[in-house]
Amino acid sequence: MIALARPQYGEENPNAWKPAGPGDLRGPCPMMNTLANHGFIQRDGRNITRETAIAGLNAGLNFAESLATIMFDQALVANPEPNSTFFTLDMLNRHNVLEHDASLSRADSIFASPSNVNTSTANAFNATVFAETTSYWTSDTLTPLMLANSKLARQITSRKENPEYAFSTTTEEFSLGEVAAPIIAFGSLEDGTVSRELVTYFFENERLPEELGWTKKNQSIALTEITGVTTIIRAATNLFTGGAANGTSAHTGAKRSLHGF
């Protein structure tokens, strides 16, 4: 078994939270950054292989091997080297591969400092962006509608302010995954609700909210659960009323992404 935490950090608990240090790589995905901060995947964000991704997603979030395998395969495309067998977290910063405009917690990459482009800080947490997102989270328990409203608002802001705004049907799947991710990790798989406190803590700290009482789900999370929550969020983003409110519109043909994580 490959060790998931780097021993030079010297923690009694190998999965104790520790923020990224000098030379550690991070990407645009808060959940993958969080798993690195806890040592479920490599703390330096480098050389994430199929084996370490599967082990880390299972240990940290109780994701089934089949689901973790799909997620690894989707992330692997961010490595520009042909026939590669690993990725690094900063590779996920490549614009319009997995990283996208209108994030809930990141500024669009066009607004990144030129010195930061294509580095692990280019898509760091942005408090101003996140403040816009959370302005739509109006109760202690977040509903799918609140989360959907924040997603739609970020798209409108991005289109207004970003002269190179891009948002394809494939991007929509990544965006839905971003919204679904905290529900899957911290909330109800049945109705898509989740504690605002847990989600805010997670985004702001890139840390699992264990000190707030959270524990990972007992049930193994498989693609069925991901699809169910994504369907709930897709329906909530539908601005039409009446017959098509179930969200099973033309979007259902798009390739589903699991990389809100």
Protein backbone atom coordinates (compact mmCIF):
# COMPACT_ATOMS: atom_id res chain seq x y z
CA MET A 1 0.00 0.00 0.00
CA ILE A 2 1.37 3.41 -0.92
CA ALA A 3 1.53 5.76 2.07
CA LEU A 4 -0.93 8.62 1.68
CA ALA A 5 0.76 11.06 4.03
CA ARG A 6 4.31 12.25 3.70
CA PRO A 7 6.19 11.12 6.81
CA GLN A 8 8.36 14.22 6.96
CA TYR A 9 5.37 16.17 8.29
CA GLY A 10 5.67 14.05 11.45
CA GLU A 11 1.99 14.07 12.49
CA GLU A 12 0.67 11.63 15.06
CA ASN A 13 -2.52 11.52 13.04
CA PRO A 14 -1.47 11.05 9.41
CA ASN A 15 -4.69 12.73 8.30
CA ALA A 16 -4.49 15.77 10.55
CA TRP A 17 -5.17 18.97 8.61
CA LYS A 18 -2.18 21.00 7.49
CA PRO A 19 -2.37 23.76 4.86
CA ALA A 20 -0.17 23.66 1.82
CA GLY A 21 3.42 24.67 2.44
CA PRO A 22 6.11 26.14 0.18
CA GLY A 23 6.46 24.06 -2.95
CA ASP A 24 3.20 22.17 -2.42
CA LEU A 25 0.85 22.20 -5.40
CA ARG A 26 -2.87 22.95 -5.29
CA GLY A 27 -5.55 23.32 -7.95
CA PRO A 28 -8.99 24.81 -8.53
CA CYS A 29 -10.88 21.94 -6.89
CA PRO A 30 -11.55 22.63 -3.19
CA MET A 31 -12.23 18.98 -2.38
CA MET A 32 -9.05 17.62 -3.95
CA ASN A 33 -7.09 20.38 -2.20
CA THR A 34 -8.80 19.39 1.05
CA LEU A 35 -7.88 15.74 0.63
CA ALA A 36 -4.25 16.82 0.10
CA ASN A 37 -4.36 19.08 3.16
CA HIS A 38 -5.44 16.06 5.20
CA GLY A 39 -2.94 13.67 3.66
CA PHE A 40 -5.54 11.41 2.06
CA ILE A 41 -3.70 12.06 -1.20
CA GLN A 42 -0.13 13.32 -1.44
CA ARG A 43 0.27 16.45 0.66
CA ASP A 44 2.52 18.04 -1.92
CA GLY A 45 -0.15 17.58 -4.62
CA ARG A 46 2.24 15.70 -6.90
CA ASN A 47 2.23 12.29 -8.58
CA ILE A 48 -1.41 11.37 -7.92
CA THR A 49 -1.79 7.90 -9.41
CA ARG A 50 -4.86 5.75 -9.87
CA GLU A 51 -3.97 3.78 -6.74
CA THR A 52 -3.46 6.80 -4.49
CA ALA A 53 -6.58 8.56 -5.83
CA ILE A 54 -8.77 5.53 -5.18
CA ALA A 55 -7.32 5.00 -1.70
CA GLY A 56 -7.59 8.68 -0.77
CA LEU A 57 -11.14 9.21 -1.98
CA ASN A 58 -12.22 6.08 -0.14
CA ALA A 59 -10.44 6.90 3.12
CA GLY A 60 -11.45 10.55 3.15
CA LEU A 61 -15.01 10.44 1.77
CA ASN A 62 -15.96 6.76 1.51
CA PHE A 63 -16.14 6.89 -2.28
CA ALA A 64 -16.47 3.52 -3.98
CA GLU A 65 -13.54 2.29 -6.04
CA SER A 66 -15.60 2.42 -9.22
CA LEU A 67 -16.47 6.09 -8.64
CA ALA A 68 -12.92 7.06 -7.67
CA THR A 69 -11.64 5.35 -10.82
CA ILE A 70 -13.93 7.46 -13.00
CA MET A 71 -12.83 10.63 -11.21
CA PHE A 72 -9.17 9.75 -11.68
CA ASP A 73 -9.68 9.10 -15.39
CA GLN A 74 -11.40 12.47 -15.81
CA ALA A 75 -8.58 14.27 -14.00
CA LEU A 76 -5.86 12.46 -15.94
CA VAL A 77 -6.74 14.38 -19.12
CA ALA A 78 -5.28 17.48 -17.45
CA ASN A 79 -1.80 15.97 -17.75
CA PRO A 80 -0.51 17.14 -21.13
CA GLU A 81 1.91 14.23 -21.43
CA PRO A 82 0.58 11.38 -23.63
CA ASN A 83 0.00 8.03 -21.93
CA SER A 84 0.56 9.55 -18.51
CA THR A 85 -0.34 7.58 -15.37
CA PHE A 86 -0.56 10.44 -12.88
CA PHE A 87 -1.60 14.05 -12.50
CA THR A 88 -0.65 16.85 -10.15
CA LEU A 89 -3.14 19.20 -8.54
CA ASP A 90 -1.79 22.24 -10.36
CA MET A 91 -2.36 20.51 -13.71
CA LEU A 92 -6.07 20.86 -12.95
CA ASN A 93 -5.61 24.64 -13.34
CA ARG A 94 -5.52 24.32 -17.15
CA HIS A 95 -8.35 26.57 -18.27
CA ASN A 96 -11.41 24.94 -19.83
CA VAL A 97 -10.13 21.43 -19.25
CA LEU A 98 -11.57 20.90 -15.77
CA GLU A 99 -11.17 24.44 -14.40
CA HIS A 100 -13.85 26.79 -15.69
CA ASP A 101 -15.32 30.27 -15.56
CA ALA A 102 -18.05 31.19 -13.04
CA SER A 103 -16.72 29.14 -10.12
CA LEU A 104 -18.45 29.43 -6.76
CA SER A 105 -15.20 30.28 -4.98
CA ARG A 106 -12.58 31.23 -7.60
CA ALA A 107 -12.17 34.24 -9.87
CA ASP A 108 -12.14 33.52 -13.59
CA SER A 109 -8.63 32.69 -14.74
CA ILE A 110 -8.48 35.76 -16.98
CA PHE A 111 -8.34 37.87 -13.83
CA ALA A 112 -5.40 35.97 -12.33
CA SER A 113 -2.16 37.87 -11.95
CA PRO A 114 0.11 37.15 -14.96
CA SER A 115 2.79 35.95 -12.56
CA ASN A 116 0.37 33.40 -11.17
CA VAL A 117 -1.04 31.97 -14.39
CA ASN A 118 -0.57 28.20 -14.66
CA THR A 119 0.60 27.94 -11.04
CA SER A 120 -1.17 26.51 -8.03
CA THR A 121 -2.12 30.02 -6.86
CA ALA A 122 -3.83 31.09 -10.09
CA ASN A 123 -7.11 29.61 -8.98
CA ALA A 124 -6.92 30.13 -5.22
CA PHE A 125 -9.94 30.79 -3.03
CA ASN A 126 -11.31 34.30 -3.66
CA ALA A 127 -13.21 35.88 -0.76
CA THR A 128 -15.00 38.42 -2.97
CA VAL A 129 -16.30 35.75 -5.33
CA PHE A 130 -17.35 33.56 -2.43
CA ALA A 131 -19.17 36.49 -0.80
CA GLU A 132 -21.31 36.80 -3.92
CA THR A 133 -22.02 33.07 -3.79
CA THR A 134 -22.97 33.03 -0.12
CA SER A 135 -25.27 36.04 -0.50
CA TYR A 136 -27.74 33.56 -2.01
CA TRP A 137 -27.39 31.14 0.91
CA THR A 138 -30.11 32.65 3.06
CA SER A 139 -30.69 30.09 5.83
CA ASP A 140 -28.73 27.77 8.07
CA THR A 141 -29.75 24.82 5.91
CA LEU A 142 -28.94 25.26 2.25
CA THR A 143 -31.54 24.03 -0.22
CA PRO A 144 -30.93 23.01 -3.83
CA LEU A 145 -32.63 26.24 -4.92
CA MET A 146 -30.23 28.42 -2.91
CA LEU A 147 -27.24 26.57 -4.30
CA ALA A 148 -28.63 26.76 -7.83
CA ASN A 149 -29.29 30.49 -7.47
CA SER A 150 -25.67 31.08 -6.45
CA LYS A 151 -24.45 29.07 -9.43
CA LEU A 152 -26.62 31.01 -11.88
CA ALA A 153 -25.61 34.34 -10.33
CA ARG A 154 -21.94 33.52 -10.74
CA GLN A 155 -22.53 32.72 -14.41
CA ILE A 156 -24.27 36.05 -14.98
CA THR A 157 -21.50 37.96 -13.20
CA SER A 158 -18.83 36.12 -15.14
CA ARG A 159 -20.53 36.79 -18.47
CA LYS A 160 -20.91 40.47 -17.56
CA GLU A 161 -17.32 41.03 -16.40
CA ASN A 162 -15.23 38.54 -18.37
CA PRO A 163 -14.68 39.49 -22.04
CA GLU A 164 -13.53 35.92 -22.75
CA TYR A 165 -16.35 34.21 -20.84
CA ALA A 166 -16.76 30.61 -21.98
CA PHE A 167 -19.37 28.17 -20.72
CA SER A 168 -20.18 25.13 -22.85
CA THR A 169 -22.51 22.20 -22.19
CA THR A 170 -19.46 20.31 -20.96
CA THR A 171 -18.63 23.18 -18.59
CA GLU A 172 -22.17 22.96 -17.26
CA GLU A 173 -21.50 19.40 -16.13
CA PHE A 174 -18.36 20.50 -14.26
CA SER A 175 -20.31 23.38 -12.72
CA LEU A 176 -23.12 21.09 -11.57
CA GLY A 177 -20.50 18.81 -10.04
CA GLU A 178 -19.01 21.75 -8.16
CA VAL A 179 -22.40 22.55 -6.63
CA ALA A 180 -23.20 18.92 -5.88
CA ALA A 181 -19.84 18.14 -4.23
CA PRO A 182 -20.48 19.65 -0.77
CA ILE A 183 -23.94 18.06 -0.65
CA ILE A 184 -22.47 14.66 -1.42
CA ALA A 185 -19.73 15.07 1.19
CA PHE A 186 -21.62 16.88 3.96
CA GLY A 187 -25.36 16.82 3.24
CA SER A 188 -28.42 14.78 2.39
CA LEU A 189 -28.26 12.58 -0.67
CA GLU A 190 -32.04 12.29 -0.58
CA ASP A 191 -33.18 15.93 -0.77
CA GLY A 192 -29.97 17.83 -1.58
CA THR A 193 -29.90 19.94 1.59
CA VAL A 194 -26.72 20.67 3.53
CA SER A 195 -25.57 22.74 6.49
CA ARG A 196 -24.42 26.22 5.47
CA GLU A 197 -21.90 26.18 8.32
CA LEU A 198 -20.25 22.99 7.11
CA VAL A 199 -20.08 24.12 3.48
CA THR A 200 -18.74 27.59 4.31
CA TYR A 201 -16.09 26.13 6.61
CA PHE A 202 -15.03 23.68 3.91
CA PHE A 203 -14.69 26.30 1.17
CA GLU A 204 -12.95 28.90 3.31
CA ASN A 205 -10.44 26.50 4.91
CA GLU A 206 -10.15 23.63 2.40
CA ARG A 207 -10.58 21.44 5.43
CA LEU A 208 -13.01 18.70 6.38
CA PRO A 209 -15.35 20.13 9.04
CA GLU A 210 -14.60 17.49 11.66
CA GLU A 211 -14.30 20.04 14.45
CA LEU A 212 -17.89 21.06 13.69
CA GLY A 213 -19.05 17.48 14.26
CA TRP A 214 -18.94 16.17 10.71
CA THR A 215 -18.00 12.56 10.02
CA LYS A 216 -17.82 10.86 6.65
CA LYS A 217 -20.85 8.91 5.50
CA ASN A 218 -21.14 5.28 6.55
CA GLN A 219 -22.48 4.27 3.16
CA SER A 220 -20.16 3.86 0.22
CA ILE A 221 -20.77 6.62 -2.32
CA ALA A 222 -21.12 5.37 -5.88
CA LEU A 223 -22.03 6.91 -9.23
CA THR A 224 -25.73 6.39 -8.50
CA GLU A 225 -25.57 8.82 -5.57
CA ILE A 226 -23.61 11.38 -7.59
CA THR A 227 -26.14 11.19 -10.40
CA GLY A 228 -29.04 11.60 -7.99
CA VAL A 229 -27.69 14.77 -6.38
CA THR A 230 -26.61 16.24 -9.72
CA THR A 231 -30.13 15.67 -11.05
CA ILE A 232 -31.57 17.56 -8.07
CA ILE A 233 -29.28 20.54 -8.72
CA ARG A 234 -29.91 20.46 -12.46
CA ALA A 235 -33.64 20.66 -11.85
CA ALA A 236 -33.17 23.57 -9.41
CA THR A 237 -31.22 25.58 -12.02
CA ASN A 238 -34.14 25.33 -14.47
CA LEU A 239 -35.63 28.81 -14.86
CA PHE A 240 -38.78 27.53 -16.51
CA THR A 241 -41.91 26.69 -14.57
CA GLY A 242 -44.31 23.89 -15.34
CA GLY A 243 -43.74 20.73 -17.34
CA ALA A 244 -39.95 20.70 -17.76
CA ALA A 245 -39.21 21.37 -14.09
CA ASN A 246 -37.74 17.93 -13.54
CA GLY A 247 -34.54 19.11 -15.20
CA THR A 248 -34.39 16.26 -17.69
CA SER A 249 -33.86 18.57 -20.62
CA ALA A 250 -31.36 18.57 -23.45
CA HIS A 251 -28.53 18.79 -20.91
CA THR A 252 -28.95 15.13 -20.02
CA GLY A 253 -27.05 14.16 -23.14
CA ALA A 254 -23.92 16.00 -22.06
CA LYS A 255 -20.97 14.16 -20.63
CA ARG A 256 -21.29 14.11 -16.86
CA SER A 257 -18.32 15.36 -14.92
CA LEU A 258 -17.54 14.35 -11.36
CA HIS A 259 -14.98 17.06 -10.79
CA GLY A 260 -16.65 19.43 -8.47
CA PHE A 261 -14.37 17.39 -6.27
